[in-house]
N, C-alpha and C. Protein backbone atom coordinates (compact mmCIF):
# COMPACT_ATOMS: atom_id res chain seq x y z
N MET A 1 4.42 -26.26 -6.16
CA MET A 1 3.34 -25.41 -5.77
C MET A 1 3.90 -24.16 -5.25
N PRO A 2 3.41 -22.96 -5.83
CA PRO A 2 3.89 -21.66 -5.35
C PRO A 2 3.72 -21.37 -3.93
N GLN A 3 4.81 -20.86 -3.24
CA GLN A 3 4.68 -20.54 -1.90
C GLN A 3 4.00 -19.23 -1.55
N ILE A 4 4.08 -18.24 -2.48
CA ILE A 4 3.47 -17.00 -2.39
C ILE A 4 2.28 -16.92 -3.41
N THR A 5 1.16 -16.58 -2.98
CA THR A 5 0.03 -16.52 -3.81
C THR A 5 -0.53 -15.04 -3.96
N LEU A 6 -1.30 -14.82 -5.05
CA LEU A 6 -1.80 -13.63 -5.34
C LEU A 6 -3.17 -13.48 -4.69
N PRO A 7 -3.33 -12.62 -3.69
CA PRO A 7 -4.58 -12.53 -2.94
C PRO A 7 -5.77 -12.00 -4.01
N PRO A 8 -6.95 -12.40 -3.86
CA PRO A 8 -8.05 -11.86 -4.69
C PRO A 8 -8.33 -10.38 -4.23
N LEU A 9 -8.74 -9.68 -5.22
CA LEU A 9 -9.12 -8.27 -4.93
C LEU A 9 -10.35 -8.26 -3.99
N PRO A 10 -10.52 -7.30 -3.20
CA PRO A 10 -11.51 -7.23 -2.19
C PRO A 10 -12.90 -6.65 -2.82
N TRP A 11 -12.88 -6.44 -4.06
CA TRP A 11 -14.06 -5.80 -4.67
C TRP A 11 -13.93 -6.14 -6.24
N ALA A 12 -15.04 -5.95 -7.03
CA ALA A 12 -14.98 -6.22 -8.42
C ALA A 12 -14.07 -5.08 -9.14
N LYS A 13 -13.51 -5.45 -10.26
CA LYS A 13 -12.54 -4.59 -11.01
C LYS A 13 -13.15 -3.28 -11.30
N ASP A 14 -14.43 -3.18 -11.50
CA ASP A 14 -15.12 -1.89 -11.87
C ASP A 14 -15.59 -1.10 -10.73
N ALA A 15 -15.40 -1.65 -9.49
CA ALA A 15 -15.99 -0.89 -8.28
C ALA A 15 -15.50 0.40 -8.01
N LEU A 16 -14.17 0.67 -8.39
CA LEU A 16 -13.66 1.98 -8.12
C LEU A 16 -13.81 3.03 -9.14
N ALA A 17 -14.46 2.63 -10.25
CA ALA A 17 -14.71 3.60 -11.25
C ALA A 17 -15.79 4.62 -10.83
N PRO A 18 -15.71 5.80 -11.33
CA PRO A 18 -14.87 6.28 -12.36
C PRO A 18 -13.58 6.85 -11.90
N VAL A 19 -13.25 6.88 -10.50
CA VAL A 19 -11.93 7.41 -10.05
C VAL A 19 -10.76 6.58 -10.61
N ILE A 20 -10.91 5.17 -10.42
CA ILE A 20 -9.98 4.30 -11.00
C ILE A 20 -10.71 3.35 -11.87
N SER A 21 -10.41 3.30 -13.23
CA SER A 21 -11.23 2.59 -14.20
C SER A 21 -10.89 1.07 -14.03
N ALA A 22 -11.88 0.30 -14.56
CA ALA A 22 -11.71 -1.23 -14.51
C ALA A 22 -10.55 -1.54 -15.27
N ALA A 23 -10.18 -0.82 -16.41
CA ALA A 23 -9.07 -1.19 -17.25
C ALA A 23 -7.73 -1.00 -16.40
N THR A 24 -7.63 0.10 -15.63
CA THR A 24 -6.40 0.29 -14.80
C THR A 24 -6.30 -0.79 -13.83
N VAL A 25 -7.42 -1.00 -13.00
CA VAL A 25 -7.34 -2.18 -12.06
C VAL A 25 -6.95 -3.48 -12.69
N ASP A 26 -7.53 -3.82 -13.85
CA ASP A 26 -7.14 -5.06 -14.50
C ASP A 26 -5.68 -5.08 -14.85
N LYS A 27 -5.19 -4.03 -15.47
CA LYS A 27 -3.84 -4.06 -15.92
C LYS A 27 -2.81 -4.07 -14.67
N HIS A 28 -3.26 -3.29 -13.64
CA HIS A 28 -2.39 -3.12 -12.38
C HIS A 28 -2.37 -4.47 -11.65
N TYR A 29 -3.48 -5.15 -11.61
CA TYR A 29 -3.65 -6.39 -10.80
C TYR A 29 -3.03 -7.57 -11.57
N GLU A 30 -3.44 -7.78 -12.76
CA GLU A 30 -3.22 -8.94 -13.57
C GLU A 30 -1.84 -8.95 -14.05
N ALA A 31 -1.28 -7.80 -14.38
CA ALA A 31 0.11 -7.73 -15.05
C ALA A 31 1.15 -7.38 -13.91
N HIS A 32 0.98 -6.19 -13.33
CA HIS A 32 1.91 -5.73 -12.35
C HIS A 32 2.03 -6.55 -11.04
N HIS A 33 0.96 -6.67 -10.35
CA HIS A 33 0.96 -7.35 -9.16
C HIS A 33 1.11 -8.84 -9.25
N ALA A 34 0.42 -9.47 -10.25
CA ALA A 34 0.67 -10.90 -10.47
C ALA A 34 2.05 -11.13 -11.00
N GLY A 35 2.67 -10.19 -11.78
CA GLY A 35 3.98 -10.48 -12.26
C GLY A 35 5.04 -10.50 -11.08
N TYR A 36 4.86 -9.62 -10.04
CA TYR A 36 5.78 -9.63 -8.90
C TYR A 36 5.60 -10.99 -8.18
N VAL A 37 4.32 -11.45 -7.96
CA VAL A 37 4.20 -12.76 -7.25
C VAL A 37 4.84 -13.86 -8.07
N LYS A 38 4.70 -13.81 -9.33
CA LYS A 38 5.32 -14.83 -10.23
C LYS A 38 6.84 -14.77 -10.01
N ARG A 39 7.37 -13.52 -9.97
CA ARG A 39 8.81 -13.41 -9.91
C ARG A 39 9.38 -13.91 -8.63
N ILE A 40 8.62 -13.63 -7.46
CA ILE A 40 9.04 -14.14 -6.26
C ILE A 40 9.18 -15.63 -6.25
N ASN A 41 8.08 -16.33 -6.74
CA ASN A 41 8.07 -17.72 -6.76
C ASN A 41 9.23 -18.38 -7.61
N THR A 42 9.58 -17.71 -8.74
CA THR A 42 10.88 -18.05 -9.47
C THR A 42 12.08 -18.00 -8.71
N LEU A 43 12.23 -16.88 -8.01
CA LEU A 43 13.39 -16.57 -7.32
C LEU A 43 13.61 -17.38 -5.98
N ILE A 44 12.56 -17.78 -5.30
CA ILE A 44 12.68 -18.59 -4.18
C ILE A 44 13.01 -20.01 -4.29
N GLU A 45 12.90 -20.38 -5.53
CA GLU A 45 13.19 -21.87 -5.84
C GLU A 45 14.65 -22.18 -5.37
N GLY A 46 14.85 -23.10 -4.48
CA GLY A 46 16.19 -23.48 -4.12
C GLY A 46 16.93 -22.39 -3.30
N ALA A 47 16.28 -21.39 -2.83
CA ALA A 47 16.90 -20.27 -2.19
C ALA A 47 16.76 -20.26 -0.65
N GLY A 48 16.09 -21.32 -0.22
CA GLY A 48 15.86 -21.43 1.29
C GLY A 48 14.75 -20.75 1.89
N TYR A 49 13.75 -20.33 0.92
CA TYR A 49 12.60 -19.64 1.50
C TYR A 49 11.32 -20.38 1.25
N ALA A 50 11.38 -21.69 1.08
CA ALA A 50 10.17 -22.54 0.74
C ALA A 50 9.02 -22.37 1.80
N ASP A 51 9.43 -22.24 3.04
CA ASP A 51 8.40 -22.10 4.09
C ASP A 51 8.22 -20.79 4.68
N SER A 52 8.75 -19.78 3.98
CA SER A 52 8.78 -18.39 4.46
C SER A 52 7.51 -17.60 3.97
N SER A 53 7.01 -16.89 4.85
CA SER A 53 5.93 -16.00 4.40
C SER A 53 6.53 -14.69 3.73
N LEU A 54 5.68 -13.98 2.97
CA LEU A 54 6.09 -12.77 2.35
C LEU A 54 6.83 -11.81 3.24
N GLU A 55 6.28 -11.69 4.51
CA GLU A 55 6.94 -10.77 5.47
C GLU A 55 8.28 -11.30 5.91
N GLU A 56 8.39 -12.54 6.02
CA GLU A 56 9.72 -13.20 6.47
C GLU A 56 10.77 -13.03 5.34
N ILE A 57 10.32 -13.11 4.06
CA ILE A 57 11.22 -12.94 2.98
C ILE A 57 11.69 -11.57 2.90
N LEU A 58 10.75 -10.57 3.13
CA LEU A 58 11.13 -9.08 3.11
C LEU A 58 12.07 -8.76 4.18
N ILE A 59 11.91 -9.27 5.40
CA ILE A 59 12.82 -9.04 6.51
C ILE A 59 14.22 -9.60 6.24
N ALA A 60 14.20 -10.88 5.73
CA ALA A 60 15.49 -11.54 5.48
C ALA A 60 16.32 -10.95 4.38
N THR A 61 15.56 -10.40 3.38
CA THR A 61 16.41 -9.91 2.23
C THR A 61 16.61 -8.42 2.28
N ALA A 62 16.02 -7.76 3.23
CA ALA A 62 16.15 -6.27 3.11
C ALA A 62 17.56 -5.64 3.15
N SER A 63 18.44 -6.29 3.82
CA SER A 63 19.82 -5.73 3.88
C SER A 63 20.83 -6.66 3.26
N ASP A 64 20.23 -7.48 2.29
CA ASP A 64 21.21 -8.50 1.67
C ASP A 64 21.43 -8.07 0.16
N PRO A 65 22.50 -7.50 -0.19
CA PRO A 65 22.72 -7.05 -1.56
C PRO A 65 22.66 -8.15 -2.61
N GLU A 66 22.86 -9.30 -2.12
CA GLU A 66 22.90 -10.54 -3.05
C GLU A 66 21.48 -10.96 -3.37
N ALA A 67 20.51 -10.44 -2.65
CA ALA A 67 19.08 -10.84 -2.75
C ALA A 67 18.21 -9.70 -3.23
N ARG A 68 18.88 -8.69 -3.86
CA ARG A 68 18.12 -7.50 -4.24
C ARG A 68 16.89 -7.78 -5.11
N ALA A 69 17.07 -8.67 -6.11
CA ALA A 69 15.89 -8.95 -6.99
C ALA A 69 14.78 -9.44 -6.29
N LEU A 70 15.02 -10.39 -5.35
CA LEU A 70 13.97 -11.00 -4.50
C LEU A 70 13.36 -9.92 -3.52
N ALA A 71 14.23 -9.15 -3.02
CA ALA A 71 13.69 -8.10 -2.03
C ALA A 71 12.78 -7.13 -2.81
N ASN A 72 13.13 -6.73 -3.96
CA ASN A 72 12.30 -5.84 -4.73
C ASN A 72 11.00 -6.42 -5.13
N ALA A 73 11.07 -7.62 -5.54
CA ALA A 73 9.79 -8.41 -5.95
C ALA A 73 8.84 -8.51 -4.82
N ALA A 74 9.49 -8.94 -3.58
CA ALA A 74 8.69 -9.14 -2.44
C ALA A 74 8.13 -7.79 -1.88
N GLY A 75 8.94 -6.77 -1.96
CA GLY A 75 8.37 -5.46 -1.48
C GLY A 75 7.21 -4.95 -2.34
N GLN A 76 7.35 -5.11 -3.65
CA GLN A 76 6.23 -4.62 -4.56
C GLN A 76 5.02 -5.55 -4.25
N ALA A 77 5.13 -6.84 -4.02
CA ALA A 77 4.01 -7.71 -3.86
C ALA A 77 3.32 -7.20 -2.47
N TRP A 78 4.08 -7.06 -1.49
CA TRP A 78 3.58 -6.77 -0.09
C TRP A 78 2.85 -5.39 -0.20
N ASN A 79 3.56 -4.36 -0.94
CA ASN A 79 2.90 -3.02 -1.05
C ASN A 79 1.53 -3.15 -1.71
N HIS A 80 1.52 -3.95 -2.81
CA HIS A 80 0.35 -4.12 -3.50
C HIS A 80 -0.83 -4.75 -2.71
N ASP A 81 -0.48 -5.69 -1.92
CA ASP A 81 -1.40 -6.30 -0.93
C ASP A 81 -2.05 -5.20 -0.19
N ARG A 82 -1.20 -4.39 0.44
CA ARG A 82 -1.77 -3.32 1.36
C ARG A 82 -2.44 -2.18 0.57
N TYR A 83 -2.05 -1.91 -0.78
CA TYR A 83 -2.70 -0.95 -1.56
C TYR A 83 -4.14 -1.29 -1.76
N TRP A 84 -4.36 -2.53 -2.17
CA TRP A 84 -5.80 -2.90 -2.59
C TRP A 84 -6.63 -2.85 -1.38
N GLU A 85 -6.17 -3.29 -0.18
CA GLU A 85 -7.03 -3.18 1.05
C GLU A 85 -7.22 -1.82 1.54
N SER A 86 -6.44 -0.90 1.01
CA SER A 86 -6.67 0.54 1.48
C SER A 86 -7.73 1.22 0.66
N LEU A 87 -8.29 0.64 -0.39
CA LEU A 87 -9.26 1.31 -1.22
C LEU A 87 -10.61 0.58 -1.17
N SER A 88 -11.70 1.36 -1.29
CA SER A 88 -13.01 0.81 -1.21
C SER A 88 -13.89 1.81 -1.88
N PRO A 89 -15.03 1.31 -2.53
CA PRO A 89 -15.94 2.27 -3.10
C PRO A 89 -16.85 2.96 -2.09
N ASP A 90 -16.81 2.33 -0.93
CA ASP A 90 -17.61 2.94 0.24
C ASP A 90 -16.81 2.72 1.59
N GLY A 91 -15.74 3.61 1.69
CA GLY A 91 -14.89 3.31 2.85
C GLY A 91 -15.23 3.91 4.12
N GLY A 92 -16.33 4.67 4.15
CA GLY A 92 -16.83 5.33 5.42
C GLY A 92 -15.87 6.34 5.89
N GLU A 93 -15.94 6.50 7.19
CA GLU A 93 -15.15 7.64 7.86
C GLU A 93 -14.27 6.85 9.01
N PRO A 94 -13.13 7.68 9.41
CA PRO A 94 -12.47 7.02 10.55
C PRO A 94 -13.32 6.77 11.76
N SER A 95 -13.07 5.69 12.48
CA SER A 95 -13.78 5.46 13.80
C SER A 95 -13.41 6.60 14.79
N ALA A 96 -14.19 6.62 15.83
CA ALA A 96 -13.88 7.67 16.88
C ALA A 96 -12.46 7.52 17.46
N THR A 97 -12.06 6.37 17.61
CA THR A 97 -10.71 6.10 18.16
C THR A 97 -9.57 6.57 17.23
N LEU A 98 -9.72 6.21 15.94
CA LEU A 98 -8.78 6.69 14.93
C LEU A 98 -8.94 8.17 14.67
N ALA A 99 -10.12 8.70 14.67
CA ALA A 99 -10.37 10.16 14.55
C ALA A 99 -9.65 10.94 15.58
N ALA A 100 -9.66 10.44 16.80
CA ALA A 100 -9.06 11.06 17.95
C ALA A 100 -7.50 11.21 17.72
N GLN A 101 -6.91 10.02 17.28
CA GLN A 101 -5.50 10.06 17.02
C GLN A 101 -5.05 10.93 15.83
N ILE A 102 -5.94 10.94 14.83
CA ILE A 102 -5.68 11.88 13.76
C ILE A 102 -5.63 13.35 14.24
N GLU A 103 -6.59 13.68 15.05
CA GLU A 103 -6.71 14.98 15.61
C GLU A 103 -5.42 15.38 16.44
N THR A 104 -4.99 14.40 17.19
CA THR A 104 -3.79 14.61 17.94
C THR A 104 -2.51 14.82 17.11
N ASP A 105 -2.44 13.92 16.06
CA ASP A 105 -1.20 14.03 15.29
C ASP A 105 -1.23 14.92 14.05
N PHE A 106 -2.31 15.23 13.52
CA PHE A 106 -2.49 15.97 12.36
C PHE A 106 -3.39 17.28 12.50
N GLY A 107 -4.22 17.34 13.56
CA GLY A 107 -5.05 18.51 13.67
C GLY A 107 -6.51 18.22 13.25
N ALA A 108 -6.71 17.78 12.04
CA ALA A 108 -7.95 17.47 11.52
C ALA A 108 -7.78 16.46 10.40
N LEU A 109 -8.96 15.75 10.01
CA LEU A 109 -8.94 14.75 8.93
C LEU A 109 -8.53 15.46 7.59
N ILE A 110 -9.07 16.68 7.36
CA ILE A 110 -8.75 17.32 6.10
C ILE A 110 -7.26 17.68 6.12
N ASP A 111 -6.66 17.95 7.19
CA ASP A 111 -5.13 18.24 7.23
C ASP A 111 -4.33 16.98 6.87
N LEU A 112 -4.79 15.90 7.41
CA LEU A 112 -4.04 14.54 7.03
C LEU A 112 -4.38 14.22 5.63
N GLU A 113 -5.60 14.46 5.12
CA GLU A 113 -5.76 14.15 3.78
C GLU A 113 -4.93 15.05 2.74
N ASP A 114 -4.88 16.35 3.16
CA ASP A 114 -4.09 17.25 2.34
C ASP A 114 -2.62 16.80 2.30
N ALA A 115 -2.17 16.51 3.54
CA ALA A 115 -0.67 16.04 3.63
C ALA A 115 -0.42 14.77 2.97
N LEU A 116 -1.43 13.82 2.87
CA LEU A 116 -1.19 12.61 2.17
C LEU A 116 -1.14 12.88 0.66
N VAL A 117 -1.97 13.72 0.16
CA VAL A 117 -1.86 14.05 -1.24
C VAL A 117 -0.54 14.70 -1.62
N ALA A 118 -0.22 15.78 -0.75
CA ALA A 118 1.08 16.56 -0.99
C ALA A 118 2.18 15.60 -0.88
N LYS A 119 2.28 14.63 0.03
CA LYS A 119 3.45 13.66 0.13
C LYS A 119 3.52 12.91 -1.19
N GLY A 120 2.39 12.40 -1.67
CA GLY A 120 2.40 11.60 -2.86
C GLY A 120 2.87 12.42 -4.14
N VAL A 121 2.35 13.58 -4.13
CA VAL A 121 2.61 14.52 -5.31
C VAL A 121 4.20 14.80 -5.33
N GLY A 122 4.62 15.04 -4.16
CA GLY A 122 6.03 15.45 -4.01
C GLY A 122 7.07 14.36 -4.12
N HIS A 123 6.61 13.12 -4.07
CA HIS A 123 7.58 12.01 -4.18
C HIS A 123 8.22 11.92 -5.52
N PHE A 124 9.53 11.94 -5.61
CA PHE A 124 10.19 11.96 -6.80
C PHE A 124 10.19 10.60 -7.44
N ALA A 125 9.79 10.46 -8.72
CA ALA A 125 9.76 9.14 -9.44
C ALA A 125 8.78 8.24 -8.74
N SER A 126 9.10 6.91 -8.68
CA SER A 126 8.12 5.99 -8.28
C SER A 126 8.32 5.49 -6.79
N GLY A 127 7.11 5.12 -6.12
CA GLY A 127 7.12 4.72 -4.84
C GLY A 127 5.85 4.58 -4.19
N TRP A 128 5.80 4.80 -2.87
CA TRP A 128 4.59 4.54 -2.13
C TRP A 128 4.53 5.56 -1.05
N VAL A 129 3.25 5.91 -0.62
CA VAL A 129 3.10 6.82 0.52
C VAL A 129 2.09 6.07 1.43
N SER A 130 2.47 5.99 2.80
CA SER A 130 1.66 5.22 3.76
C SER A 130 1.33 5.98 4.97
N LEU A 131 0.09 5.74 5.49
CA LEU A 131 -0.21 6.27 6.83
C LEU A 131 0.09 5.06 7.78
N THR A 132 0.89 5.30 8.68
CA THR A 132 1.38 4.25 9.55
C THR A 132 1.19 4.59 10.99
N TYR A 133 1.37 3.57 11.82
CA TYR A 133 1.28 3.72 13.25
C TYR A 133 2.61 3.16 13.91
N LYS A 134 3.28 3.92 14.68
CA LYS A 134 4.46 3.50 15.40
C LYS A 134 4.67 4.25 16.60
N ASP A 135 5.00 3.72 17.74
CA ASP A 135 5.37 4.35 18.97
C ASP A 135 4.28 5.36 19.36
N GLY A 136 3.05 4.84 19.32
CA GLY A 136 1.95 5.65 19.84
C GLY A 136 1.52 6.80 18.93
N ALA A 137 1.90 6.88 17.75
CA ALA A 137 1.65 7.98 16.89
C ALA A 137 1.44 7.59 15.45
N LEU A 138 0.67 8.42 14.69
CA LEU A 138 0.47 8.16 13.25
C LEU A 138 1.60 8.98 12.49
N HIS A 139 1.94 8.42 11.45
CA HIS A 139 3.09 8.96 10.52
C HIS A 139 2.59 8.89 9.06
N LEU A 140 3.16 9.82 8.23
CA LEU A 140 3.15 9.69 6.91
C LEU A 140 4.56 9.34 6.32
N ILE A 141 4.71 8.24 5.70
CA ILE A 141 6.03 7.62 5.34
C ILE A 141 6.13 7.43 3.83
N GLU A 142 7.17 8.02 3.18
CA GLU A 142 7.37 7.71 1.79
C GLU A 142 8.45 6.62 1.64
N THR A 143 8.20 5.64 0.79
CA THR A 143 9.18 4.73 0.45
C THR A 143 9.42 4.78 -1.05
N HIS A 144 10.65 4.61 -1.46
CA HIS A 144 10.98 4.62 -2.95
C HIS A 144 10.96 3.30 -3.56
N ASP A 145 10.59 3.24 -4.73
CA ASP A 145 10.53 1.97 -5.64
C ASP A 145 9.87 0.95 -4.81
N ALA A 146 10.62 0.00 -4.47
CA ALA A 146 9.96 -1.20 -3.82
C ALA A 146 10.06 -1.26 -2.27
N GLY A 147 10.52 -0.07 -1.74
CA GLY A 147 10.69 -0.07 -0.28
C GLY A 147 9.33 -0.16 0.45
N THR A 148 9.42 -0.70 1.75
CA THR A 148 8.25 -0.91 2.46
C THR A 148 8.34 -0.33 3.86
N VAL A 149 7.20 0.08 4.50
CA VAL A 149 7.34 0.51 5.83
C VAL A 149 7.53 -0.63 6.79
N LEU A 150 7.28 -1.84 6.42
CA LEU A 150 7.44 -2.91 7.27
C LEU A 150 8.93 -3.07 7.72
N THR A 151 9.81 -2.89 6.81
CA THR A 151 11.25 -2.95 7.25
C THR A 151 11.77 -1.81 8.08
N GLN A 152 10.85 -0.68 8.24
CA GLN A 152 11.29 0.43 9.07
C GLN A 152 10.49 0.11 10.45
N GLY A 153 9.77 -0.91 10.57
CA GLY A 153 9.08 -1.15 11.86
C GLY A 153 7.71 -0.42 11.97
N HIS A 154 7.14 0.05 10.87
CA HIS A 154 5.98 0.69 10.94
C HIS A 154 4.82 -0.21 10.55
N ALA A 155 3.61 0.07 11.22
CA ALA A 155 2.45 -0.80 10.81
C ALA A 155 1.59 0.09 9.91
N PRO A 156 1.31 -0.38 8.74
CA PRO A 156 0.57 0.44 7.79
C PRO A 156 -0.99 0.42 8.01
N LEU A 157 -1.58 1.52 8.01
CA LEU A 157 -2.99 1.66 8.12
C LEU A 157 -3.64 1.79 6.67
N LEU A 158 -2.95 2.70 5.85
CA LEU A 158 -3.32 2.91 4.46
C LEU A 158 -2.01 3.01 3.59
N VAL A 159 -2.00 2.51 2.44
CA VAL A 159 -0.88 2.55 1.49
C VAL A 159 -1.32 2.98 0.12
N LEU A 160 -0.71 4.05 -0.43
CA LEU A 160 -1.03 4.50 -1.77
C LEU A 160 0.06 4.30 -2.66
N ASP A 161 -0.20 3.84 -3.92
CA ASP A 161 0.73 3.61 -4.93
C ASP A 161 0.99 4.86 -5.76
N VAL A 162 2.18 5.36 -5.91
CA VAL A 162 2.54 6.49 -6.66
C VAL A 162 3.43 6.15 -7.85
N TRP A 163 3.47 4.80 -8.29
CA TRP A 163 4.08 4.41 -9.48
C TRP A 163 3.04 4.88 -10.66
N GLU A 164 3.60 5.11 -11.76
CA GLU A 164 2.80 5.60 -12.93
C GLU A 164 1.78 4.67 -13.27
N HIS A 165 2.19 3.39 -13.22
CA HIS A 165 1.12 2.36 -13.72
C HIS A 165 -0.17 2.42 -12.84
N ALA A 166 -0.18 3.09 -11.64
CA ALA A 166 -1.42 3.15 -10.86
C ALA A 166 -2.37 4.21 -11.39
N TYR A 167 -1.90 5.07 -12.28
CA TYR A 167 -2.83 6.20 -12.66
C TYR A 167 -2.64 6.63 -14.09
N TYR A 168 -1.68 6.13 -14.87
CA TYR A 168 -1.40 6.76 -16.15
C TYR A 168 -2.41 6.51 -17.26
N LEU A 169 -3.09 5.36 -17.23
CA LEU A 169 -4.16 5.10 -18.20
C LEU A 169 -5.30 6.11 -17.98
N ASP A 170 -5.66 6.44 -16.72
CA ASP A 170 -6.72 7.33 -16.51
C ASP A 170 -6.50 8.86 -16.42
N TYR A 171 -5.19 9.14 -15.99
CA TYR A 171 -4.86 10.57 -15.74
C TYR A 171 -3.53 11.05 -16.43
N GLN A 172 -2.94 10.15 -17.19
CA GLN A 172 -1.62 10.46 -17.76
C GLN A 172 -0.64 10.87 -16.74
N HIS A 173 -0.13 12.03 -16.87
CA HIS A 173 0.86 12.58 -16.03
C HIS A 173 0.33 13.23 -14.67
N ASP A 174 -0.98 13.34 -14.63
CA ASP A 174 -1.53 14.11 -13.61
C ASP A 174 -1.70 13.33 -12.36
N ARG A 175 -0.60 13.08 -11.61
CA ARG A 175 -0.63 12.35 -10.39
C ARG A 175 -1.47 12.95 -9.25
N GLU A 176 -1.38 14.36 -9.23
CA GLU A 176 -2.23 15.00 -8.13
C GLU A 176 -3.63 14.87 -8.33
N ARG A 177 -4.16 14.95 -9.51
CA ARG A 177 -5.56 14.79 -9.71
C ARG A 177 -5.93 13.34 -9.30
N HIS A 178 -5.22 12.44 -9.69
CA HIS A 178 -5.54 11.01 -9.30
C HIS A 178 -5.52 10.91 -7.81
N LEU A 179 -4.48 11.37 -7.11
CA LEU A 179 -4.31 11.18 -5.63
C LEU A 179 -5.52 11.96 -4.89
N ARG A 180 -5.83 13.16 -5.42
CA ARG A 180 -6.87 13.97 -4.71
C ARG A 180 -8.19 13.14 -4.76
N LEU A 181 -8.54 12.57 -5.91
CA LEU A 181 -9.80 11.92 -5.97
C LEU A 181 -9.79 10.67 -5.18
N VAL A 182 -8.64 9.93 -5.20
CA VAL A 182 -8.49 8.63 -4.38
C VAL A 182 -8.77 9.00 -2.97
N VAL A 183 -7.95 9.98 -2.43
CA VAL A 183 -8.06 10.40 -1.04
C VAL A 183 -9.42 10.85 -0.63
N ASP A 184 -10.08 11.61 -1.59
CA ASP A 184 -11.41 12.15 -1.23
C ASP A 184 -12.53 11.12 -1.36
N GLU A 185 -12.31 10.08 -2.12
CA GLU A 185 -13.49 9.21 -2.49
C GLU A 185 -13.24 7.69 -2.25
N LEU A 186 -12.08 7.22 -2.16
CA LEU A 186 -11.90 5.79 -2.23
C LEU A 186 -11.03 5.22 -0.98
N LEU A 187 -10.64 6.05 -0.01
CA LEU A 187 -9.86 5.53 1.10
C LEU A 187 -10.79 4.57 1.92
N ASP A 188 -10.30 3.41 2.37
CA ASP A 188 -11.10 2.51 3.11
C ASP A 188 -10.87 2.74 4.67
N TRP A 189 -11.56 3.83 5.11
CA TRP A 189 -11.32 4.30 6.53
C TRP A 189 -11.85 3.16 7.49
N ARG A 190 -12.80 2.41 7.10
CA ARG A 190 -13.28 1.36 7.96
C ARG A 190 -12.10 0.25 8.27
N GLY A 191 -11.54 -0.05 7.11
CA GLY A 191 -10.39 -0.97 7.25
C GLY A 191 -9.20 -0.42 7.98
N ALA A 192 -8.87 0.88 7.73
CA ALA A 192 -7.82 1.55 8.43
C ALA A 192 -8.21 1.59 9.95
N SER A 193 -9.42 1.89 10.28
CA SER A 193 -9.85 1.92 11.67
C SER A 193 -9.64 0.64 12.39
N ALA A 194 -10.08 -0.49 11.69
CA ALA A 194 -10.00 -1.89 12.20
C ALA A 194 -8.57 -2.13 12.48
N ARG A 195 -7.62 -1.89 11.62
CA ARG A 195 -6.17 -2.15 11.73
C ARG A 195 -5.64 -1.39 12.94
N PHE A 196 -6.03 0.01 12.99
CA PHE A 196 -5.52 0.80 14.07
C PHE A 196 -6.04 0.22 15.45
N GLU A 197 -7.30 -0.22 15.55
CA GLU A 197 -7.85 -0.63 16.85
C GLU A 197 -7.15 -1.99 17.21
N ALA A 198 -6.90 -2.78 16.21
CA ALA A 198 -6.23 -4.09 16.53
C ALA A 198 -4.82 -3.80 17.12
N LEU A 199 -4.14 -2.89 16.54
CA LEU A 199 -2.88 -2.45 16.98
C LEU A 199 -2.89 -1.90 18.41
N GLN A 200 -4.02 -1.09 18.67
CA GLN A 200 -4.17 -0.56 20.06
C GLN A 200 -4.41 -1.67 21.10
N ARG A 201 -5.07 -2.58 20.75
CA ARG A 201 -5.32 -3.77 21.60
C ARG A 201 -4.09 -4.60 21.90
N ARG A 202 -3.12 -4.45 21.06
CA ARG A 202 -1.82 -5.28 21.30
C ARG A 202 -0.85 -4.54 22.07
N ARG A 203 -1.13 -3.29 22.34
CA ARG A 203 -0.16 -2.40 23.04
C ARG A 203 0.00 -2.82 24.48
């Protein structure tokens, strides 16, 4: 029985269209994300991770050069889990609590949104851009390839995929147009607000 499972998408595959097409979601989820989960379950056989969560595998393998393949697959699966939950066809606005933190750390929501797009556009090659919370402040963090903010001690509120497979079917090389539309129309601010407020309660 596989120890790591592929979580269901939080919406129908066509729910993000026309910004992200159903074809892109299908290929991204069924081929890329599912492929990483399958790879993890192949690699953990006999490797001592039978009872480990995805997060535990990530932490355990992050600095182990002998476990690089497993660390990469686990990082990609974990990032994709966060990515899907960062998107919504009707994500609303940041809560008053999160909006106040955004104002403190970025000045205004539009400033944060512009910075998020710029960070994603400027990232060289493949990776991820995350809005995180750590040490009482919001941060924008880039991670390369399969890197995660988890191993840097950051809690993700929103995670965006800047690998080409996230946008190439719909936008070809135009990462900026893809990110601008995603940030303007698809970010799940209700989910981000709930995660932020849960972190606040634990402080």
